[in-house]
Amino acid sequence: MAKSPKNASTPTLAEQMSELGELVEQLENPEIELETALKLYEEGVKLSSAIQKTLEEAEQRVVQVTQDGLVQEEDLSEAQ
């Protein structure tokens, strides 16, 4: 059985942010039932954690690319 691409079921950061915004709007409704609010809050916390993880991974990639670039620049300087 062939594996599907990782991103096939994973929403993009923009989609996650949009969904989180929709959850917040629903939670701001003063007539929302308590049980519904709790479920939305739980979803929001999970979504927020997923967004944070995505951002941390992106930050690590930026740091790695920057470090790799600096190493390459140093190598070029030493070669001269």
N, C-alpha and C. Protein backbone atom coordinates (compact mmCIF):
# COMPACT_ATOMS: atom_id res chain seq x y z
N MET A 1 0.83 -1.17 0.00
CA MET A 1 0.00 0.00 0.00
C MET A 1 0.89 1.25 0.00
N ALA A 2 0.62 2.17 -0.91
CA ALA A 2 1.42 3.38 -1.02
C ALA A 2 0.99 4.39 0.03
N LYS A 3 1.97 5.06 0.59
CA LYS A 3 1.67 6.09 1.58
C LYS A 3 1.23 7.36 0.87
N SER A 4 0.27 8.06 1.46
CA SER A 4 -0.12 9.34 0.91
C SER A 4 0.86 10.39 1.40
N PRO A 5 1.03 11.48 0.65
CA PRO A 5 1.95 12.53 1.08
C PRO A 5 1.55 13.07 2.45
N LYS A 6 2.54 13.45 3.23
CA LYS A 6 2.31 13.95 4.59
C LYS A 6 1.35 15.13 4.59
N ASN A 7 1.49 16.04 3.64
CA ASN A 7 0.70 17.26 3.62
C ASN A 7 -0.72 17.05 3.10
N ALA A 8 -1.05 15.85 2.62
CA ALA A 8 -2.37 15.61 2.06
C ALA A 8 -3.47 15.84 3.09
N SER A 9 -3.25 15.46 4.34
CA SER A 9 -4.28 15.63 5.36
C SER A 9 -3.93 16.72 6.37
N THR A 10 -2.75 17.28 6.27
CA THR A 10 -2.32 18.30 7.21
C THR A 10 -2.70 19.68 6.68
N PRO A 11 -3.51 20.42 7.45
CA PRO A 11 -3.88 21.76 6.98
C PRO A 11 -2.67 22.70 7.01
N THR A 12 -2.71 23.68 6.14
CA THR A 12 -1.63 24.67 6.09
C THR A 12 -1.72 25.58 7.31
N LEU A 13 -0.66 26.33 7.53
CA LEU A 13 -0.64 27.28 8.65
C LEU A 13 -1.77 28.30 8.49
N ALA A 14 -1.96 28.78 7.27
CA ALA A 14 -3.02 29.76 7.02
C ALA A 14 -4.40 29.17 7.33
N GLU A 15 -4.60 27.90 6.96
CA GLU A 15 -5.88 27.25 7.25
C GLU A 15 -6.07 27.09 8.75
N GLN A 16 -5.00 26.73 9.45
CA GLN A 16 -5.08 26.57 10.90
C GLN A 16 -5.39 27.91 11.57
N MET A 17 -4.74 28.96 11.11
CA MET A 17 -4.98 30.29 11.69
C MET A 17 -6.42 30.74 11.44
N SER A 18 -6.90 30.47 10.24
CA SER A 18 -8.28 30.82 9.90
C SER A 18 -9.26 30.06 10.78
N GLU A 19 -9.01 28.78 10.96
CA GLU A 19 -9.89 27.96 11.81
C GLU A 19 -9.86 28.46 13.24
N LEU A 20 -8.68 28.82 13.73
CA LEU A 20 -8.58 29.34 15.09
C LEU A 20 -9.37 30.64 15.22
N GLY A 21 -9.28 31.49 14.21
CA GLY A 21 -10.05 32.73 14.22
C GLY A 21 -11.56 32.47 14.26
N GLU A 22 -12.01 31.47 13.52
CA GLU A 22 -13.42 31.11 13.53
C GLU A 22 -13.85 30.59 14.90
N LEU A 23 -12.98 29.80 15.53
CA LEU A 23 -13.28 29.30 16.87
C LEU A 23 -13.44 30.46 17.86
N VAL A 24 -12.53 31.42 17.75
CA VAL A 24 -12.59 32.58 18.66
C VAL A 24 -13.88 33.34 18.45
N GLU A 25 -14.28 33.53 17.19
CA GLU A 25 -15.53 34.24 16.91
C GLU A 25 -16.71 33.51 17.53
N GLN A 26 -16.73 32.18 17.42
CA GLN A 26 -17.81 31.40 18.00
C GLN A 26 -17.83 31.53 19.53
N LEU A 27 -16.62 31.53 20.12
CA LEU A 27 -16.54 31.65 21.57
C LEU A 27 -16.97 33.03 22.08
N GLU A 28 -16.88 34.03 21.22
CA GLU A 28 -17.28 35.38 21.62
C GLU A 28 -18.79 35.57 21.63
N ASN A 29 -19.52 34.60 21.12
CA ASN A 29 -20.99 34.67 21.12
C ASN A 29 -21.48 34.55 22.56
N PRO A 30 -22.16 35.57 23.08
CA PRO A 30 -22.60 35.53 24.49
C PRO A 30 -23.69 34.49 24.76
N GLU A 31 -24.32 33.97 23.72
CA GLU A 31 -25.41 33.00 23.91
C GLU A 31 -24.95 31.56 23.75
N ILE A 32 -23.65 31.34 23.66
CA ILE A 32 -23.12 29.99 23.45
C ILE A 32 -23.35 29.14 24.70
N GLU A 33 -23.70 27.89 24.48
CA GLU A 33 -23.89 26.95 25.59
C GLU A 33 -22.53 26.63 26.22
N LEU A 34 -22.51 26.38 27.50
CA LEU A 34 -21.27 26.11 28.21
C LEU A 34 -20.54 24.90 27.64
N GLU A 35 -21.26 23.80 27.42
CA GLU A 35 -20.63 22.58 26.90
C GLU A 35 -20.02 22.83 25.51
N THR A 36 -20.72 23.57 24.68
CA THR A 36 -20.21 23.91 23.35
C THR A 36 -18.96 24.78 23.47
N ALA A 37 -19.01 25.73 24.38
CA ALA A 37 -17.86 26.61 24.59
C ALA A 37 -16.64 25.82 25.05
N LEU A 38 -16.86 24.86 25.92
CA LEU A 38 -15.74 24.04 26.41
C LEU A 38 -15.14 23.22 25.27
N LYS A 39 -15.98 22.64 24.43
CA LYS A 39 -15.48 21.87 23.30
C LYS A 39 -14.70 22.76 22.33
N LEU A 40 -15.23 23.94 22.05
CA LEU A 40 -14.54 24.88 21.16
C LEU A 40 -13.20 25.31 21.76
N TYR A 41 -13.22 25.55 23.08
CA TYR A 41 -11.98 25.95 23.76
C TYR A 41 -10.93 24.85 23.64
N GLU A 42 -11.33 23.60 23.87
CA GLU A 42 -10.40 22.47 23.75
C GLU A 42 -9.83 22.39 22.33
N GLU A 43 -10.70 22.54 21.33
CA GLU A 43 -10.24 22.53 19.94
C GLU A 43 -9.24 23.66 19.71
N GLY A 44 -9.54 24.82 20.26
CA GLY A 44 -8.67 25.98 20.10
C GLY A 44 -7.30 25.77 20.72
N VAL A 45 -7.27 25.15 21.88
CA VAL A 45 -6.00 24.88 22.55
C VAL A 45 -5.17 23.90 21.72
N LYS A 46 -5.81 22.84 21.21
CA LYS A 46 -5.09 21.88 20.37
C LYS A 46 -4.58 22.54 19.11
N LEU A 47 -5.41 23.35 18.49
CA LEU A 47 -5.02 24.04 17.27
C LEU A 47 -3.89 25.03 17.53
N SER A 48 -3.98 25.74 18.63
CA SER A 48 -2.93 26.68 19.01
C SER A 48 -1.60 25.96 19.21
N SER A 49 -1.64 24.80 19.84
CA SER A 49 -0.42 24.01 20.05
C SER A 49 0.17 23.56 18.72
N ALA A 50 -0.69 23.13 17.80
CA ALA A 50 -0.22 22.69 16.49
C ALA A 50 0.41 23.86 15.72
N ILE A 51 -0.20 25.02 15.83
CA ILE A 51 0.33 26.22 15.17
C ILE A 51 1.69 26.57 15.77
N GLN A 52 1.79 26.54 17.08
CA GLN A 52 3.05 26.84 17.76
C GLN A 52 4.15 25.89 17.33
N LYS A 53 3.82 24.61 17.23
CA LYS A 53 4.79 23.60 16.79
C LYS A 53 5.26 23.90 15.36
N THR A 54 4.33 24.23 14.49
CA THR A 54 4.68 24.56 13.10
C THR A 54 5.61 25.76 13.06
N LEU A 55 5.32 26.78 13.85
CA LEU A 55 6.16 27.98 13.88
C LEU A 55 7.55 27.69 14.44
N GLU A 56 7.61 26.85 15.47
CA GLU A 56 8.91 26.48 16.04
C GLU A 56 9.75 25.70 15.03
N GLU A 57 9.10 24.80 14.28
CA GLU A 57 9.83 24.05 13.26
C GLU A 57 10.34 24.98 12.16
N ALA A 58 9.53 25.94 11.78
CA ALA A 58 9.95 26.91 10.76
C ALA A 58 11.12 27.73 11.27
N GLU A 59 11.06 28.13 12.53
CA GLU A 59 12.16 28.90 13.11
C GLU A 59 13.45 28.09 13.11
N GLN A 60 13.36 26.81 13.45
CA GLN A 60 14.54 25.95 13.44
C GLN A 60 15.12 25.84 12.03
N ARG A 61 14.25 25.75 11.04
CA ARG A 61 14.73 25.67 9.65
C ARG A 61 15.45 26.95 9.26
N VAL A 62 14.91 28.09 9.67
CA VAL A 62 15.55 29.38 9.36
C VAL A 62 16.92 29.45 10.03
N VAL A 63 17.00 29.04 11.29
CA VAL A 63 18.27 29.04 12.01
C VAL A 63 19.27 28.14 11.31
N GLN A 64 18.82 26.94 10.92
CA GLN A 64 19.72 25.99 10.25
C GLN A 64 20.22 26.54 8.93
N VAL A 65 19.32 27.12 8.14
CA VAL A 65 19.71 27.68 6.85
C VAL A 65 20.69 28.83 7.06
N THR A 66 20.43 29.65 8.06
CA THR A 66 21.32 30.77 8.36
C THR A 66 22.70 30.27 8.78
N GLN A 67 22.71 29.28 9.65
CA GLN A 67 23.99 28.72 10.10
C GLN A 67 24.73 28.08 8.95
N ASP A 68 24.02 27.34 8.11
CA ASP A 68 24.65 26.71 6.94
C ASP A 68 25.24 27.77 6.03
N GLY A 69 24.52 28.86 5.84
CA GLY A 69 25.01 29.95 4.99
C GLY A 69 26.25 30.59 5.57
N LEU A 70 26.27 30.78 6.90
CA LEU A 70 27.43 31.38 7.55
C LEU A 70 28.64 30.46 7.46
N VAL A 71 28.41 29.16 7.60
CA VAL A 71 29.50 28.20 7.50
C VAL A 71 30.08 28.24 6.09
N GLN A 72 29.23 28.28 5.09
CA GLN A 72 29.70 28.33 3.71
C GLN A 72 30.48 29.61 3.45
N GLU A 73 30.02 30.73 3.98
CA GLU A 73 30.74 31.99 3.82
C GLU A 73 32.11 31.92 4.47
N GLU A 74 32.18 31.32 5.68
CA GLU A 74 33.46 31.18 6.37
C GLU A 74 34.41 30.29 5.58
N ASP A 75 33.87 29.20 5.03
CA ASP A 75 34.68 28.29 4.22
C ASP A 75 35.26 29.02 3.02
N LEU A 76 34.46 29.86 2.39
CA LEU A 76 34.93 30.62 1.23
C LEU A 76 36.02 31.61 1.63
N SER A 77 35.84 32.25 2.78
CA SER A 77 36.83 33.22 3.26
C SER A 77 38.16 32.54 3.56
N GLU A 78 38.11 31.38 4.17
CA GLU A 78 39.32 30.66 4.54
C GLU A 78 40.05 30.14 3.31
N ALA A 79 39.33 29.86 2.26
CA ALA A 79 39.93 29.31 1.04
C ALA A 79 40.74 30.34 0.28
N GLN A 80 40.46 31.61 0.53
CA GLN A 80 41.14 32.66 -0.22
C GLN A 80 42.50 32.99 0.32
